[in-house]
């Protein structure tokens, strides 16, 4: 079964392109993400807004 590439990543609504970029890079949950989320900006589809939303979700 294909992974959900919808607008939500681990419950955070960051948009379909950003979700796809994270999945393509091997990330599956918030816990999988690097400590420095700005590293994600190099991924296709992941922009500053998505990074900010992910940071807020991590607390």
N, C-alpha and C. Protein backbone atom coordinates (compact mmCIF):
# COMPACT_ATOMS: atom_id res chain seq x y z
N UNK A 1 0.84 -1.19 0.00
CA UNK A 1 0.00 0.00 0.00
C UNK A 1 0.88 1.24 0.00
N UNK A 2 0.56 2.20 -0.84
CA UNK A 2 1.33 3.44 -0.94
C UNK A 2 1.12 4.30 0.30
N UNK A 3 2.15 5.05 0.66
CA UNK A 3 2.03 5.93 1.82
C UNK A 3 1.15 7.13 1.50
N UNK A 4 0.46 7.62 2.51
CA UNK A 4 -0.38 8.80 2.35
C UNK A 4 0.49 10.01 2.09
N UNK A 5 0.29 10.64 0.97
CA UNK A 5 1.05 11.83 0.61
C UNK A 5 0.13 13.04 0.61
N UNK A 6 -0.84 13.01 1.50
CA UNK A 6 -1.79 14.11 1.61
C UNK A 6 -1.15 15.32 2.28
N UNK A 7 -1.96 16.27 2.69
CA UNK A 7 -1.44 17.52 3.24
C UNK A 7 -0.94 17.44 4.68
N UNK A 8 -1.10 16.28 5.33
CA UNK A 8 -0.68 16.16 6.72
C UNK A 8 0.52 15.22 6.88
N UNK A 9 1.46 15.68 7.70
CA UNK A 9 2.61 14.85 8.07
C UNK A 9 2.54 14.64 9.57
N UNK A 10 2.32 13.41 9.99
CA UNK A 10 2.24 13.06 11.41
C UNK A 10 1.30 14.00 12.18
N UNK A 11 0.16 14.29 11.56
CA UNK A 11 -0.85 15.11 12.21
C UNK A 11 -0.69 16.61 12.04
N UNK A 12 0.37 17.05 11.35
CA UNK A 12 0.60 18.48 11.14
C UNK A 12 0.28 18.81 9.69
N UNK A 13 -0.61 19.75 9.48
CA UNK A 13 -1.07 20.10 8.12
C UNK A 13 -0.06 21.06 7.47
N UNK A 14 0.93 20.49 6.78
CA UNK A 14 1.99 21.29 6.16
C UNK A 14 1.85 21.37 4.65
N UNK A 15 0.91 20.66 4.08
CA UNK A 15 0.70 20.69 2.64
C UNK A 15 1.26 19.45 1.95
N UNK A 16 0.66 19.13 0.83
CA UNK A 16 1.02 17.93 0.08
C UNK A 16 2.47 17.94 -0.42
N UNK A 17 2.98 19.05 -0.99
CA UNK A 17 4.38 19.04 -1.47
C UNK A 17 5.39 18.80 -0.35
N UNK A 18 5.17 19.45 0.79
CA UNK A 18 6.10 19.29 1.91
C UNK A 18 6.02 17.87 2.48
N UNK A 19 4.81 17.34 2.59
CA UNK A 19 4.66 15.97 3.08
C UNK A 19 5.38 15.00 2.15
N UNK A 20 5.19 15.18 0.85
CA UNK A 20 5.86 14.32 -0.11
C UNK A 20 7.38 14.41 -0.02
N UNK A 21 7.89 15.63 0.16
CA UNK A 21 9.33 15.81 0.30
C UNK A 21 9.89 15.10 1.51
N UNK A 22 9.18 15.17 2.62
CA UNK A 22 9.63 14.50 3.84
C UNK A 22 9.58 12.98 3.69
N UNK A 23 8.51 12.47 3.11
CA UNK A 23 8.39 11.03 2.90
C UNK A 23 9.48 10.53 1.95
N UNK A 24 9.71 11.27 0.86
CA UNK A 24 10.75 10.88 -0.10
C UNK A 24 12.13 10.84 0.55
N UNK A 25 12.34 11.70 1.55
CA UNK A 25 13.63 11.75 2.24
C UNK A 25 13.73 10.70 3.35
N UNK A 26 12.66 9.94 3.56
CA UNK A 26 12.71 8.86 4.54
C UNK A 26 12.14 9.18 5.91
N UNK A 27 11.57 10.35 6.07
CA UNK A 27 10.98 10.72 7.35
C UNK A 27 9.54 10.20 7.41
N UNK A 28 9.15 9.69 8.57
CA UNK A 28 7.80 9.15 8.74
C UNK A 28 7.04 9.80 9.89
N UNK A 29 7.77 10.29 10.90
CA UNK A 29 7.13 10.90 12.07
C UNK A 29 7.92 12.14 12.48
N UNK A 30 7.34 12.94 13.37
CA UNK A 30 8.04 14.12 13.90
C UNK A 30 9.33 13.70 14.60
N UNK A 31 9.31 12.57 15.25
CA UNK A 31 10.49 12.09 15.97
C UNK A 31 11.64 11.74 15.03
N UNK A 32 11.34 11.44 13.78
CA UNK A 32 12.37 11.11 12.78
C UNK A 32 13.12 12.33 12.28
N UNK A 33 12.54 13.50 12.45
CA UNK A 33 13.12 14.71 11.88
C UNK A 33 14.40 15.11 12.62
N UNK A 34 15.31 15.81 11.91
CA UNK A 34 16.55 16.23 12.57
C UNK A 34 16.29 17.28 13.64
N UNK A 35 17.24 17.43 14.56
CA UNK A 35 17.10 18.44 15.61
C UNK A 35 16.99 19.84 15.00
N UNK A 36 17.81 20.11 13.99
CA UNK A 36 17.80 21.40 13.30
C UNK A 36 16.89 21.29 12.09
N UNK A 37 15.66 21.74 12.24
CA UNK A 37 14.68 21.60 11.17
C UNK A 37 15.00 22.43 9.94
N UNK A 38 15.88 23.41 10.05
CA UNK A 38 16.23 24.19 8.87
C UNK A 38 16.94 23.33 7.82
N UNK A 39 17.47 22.18 8.24
CA UNK A 39 18.06 21.25 7.28
C UNK A 39 17.03 20.75 6.27
N UNK A 40 15.77 20.79 6.65
CA UNK A 40 14.70 20.30 5.78
C UNK A 40 14.44 21.23 4.60
N UNK A 41 14.90 22.46 4.69
CA UNK A 41 14.64 23.43 3.63
C UNK A 41 15.27 23.02 2.30
N UNK A 42 16.24 22.13 2.34
CA UNK A 42 16.88 21.68 1.09
C UNK A 42 16.02 20.67 0.34
N UNK A 43 15.00 20.14 1.02
CA UNK A 43 14.13 19.15 0.40
C UNK A 43 13.11 19.80 -0.52
N UNK A 44 12.84 19.16 -1.63
CA UNK A 44 11.85 19.67 -2.59
C UNK A 44 10.48 19.74 -1.92
N UNK A 45 9.85 20.89 -2.00
CA UNK A 45 8.51 21.07 -1.47
C UNK A 45 8.44 21.56 -0.04
N UNK A 46 9.56 21.56 0.67
CA UNK A 46 9.57 21.99 2.07
C UNK A 46 10.05 23.43 2.15
N UNK A 47 9.18 24.30 2.63
CA UNK A 47 9.53 25.72 2.74
C UNK A 47 9.52 26.19 4.18
N UNK A 48 9.80 27.47 4.37
CA UNK A 48 9.87 28.04 5.73
C UNK A 48 8.59 27.87 6.54
N UNK A 49 7.44 27.96 5.89
CA UNK A 49 6.17 27.82 6.61
C UNK A 49 6.03 26.40 7.16
N UNK A 50 6.36 25.39 6.35
CA UNK A 50 6.27 24.01 6.80
C UNK A 50 7.24 23.77 7.96
N UNK A 51 8.44 24.30 7.87
CA UNK A 51 9.43 24.13 8.93
C UNK A 51 8.93 24.78 10.22
N UNK A 52 8.35 25.96 10.11
CA UNK A 52 7.81 26.65 11.29
C UNK A 52 6.69 25.84 11.93
N UNK A 53 5.80 25.29 11.12
CA UNK A 53 4.68 24.50 11.63
C UNK A 53 5.18 23.22 12.31
N UNK A 54 6.19 22.60 11.74
CA UNK A 54 6.75 21.39 12.34
C UNK A 54 7.42 21.71 13.67
N UNK A 55 8.13 22.84 13.72
CA UNK A 55 8.78 23.26 14.97
C UNK A 55 7.75 23.52 16.06
N UNK A 56 6.67 24.18 15.70
CA UNK A 56 5.60 24.45 16.67
C UNK A 56 4.98 23.14 17.17
N UNK A 57 4.83 22.17 16.27
CA UNK A 57 4.23 20.89 16.65
C UNK A 57 5.13 20.10 17.59
N UNK A 58 6.42 20.27 17.42
CA UNK A 58 7.37 19.56 18.30
C UNK A 58 7.46 20.22 19.66
N UNK A 59 7.07 21.50 19.71
CA UNK A 59 7.06 22.19 21.01
C UNK A 59 8.36 22.77 21.28
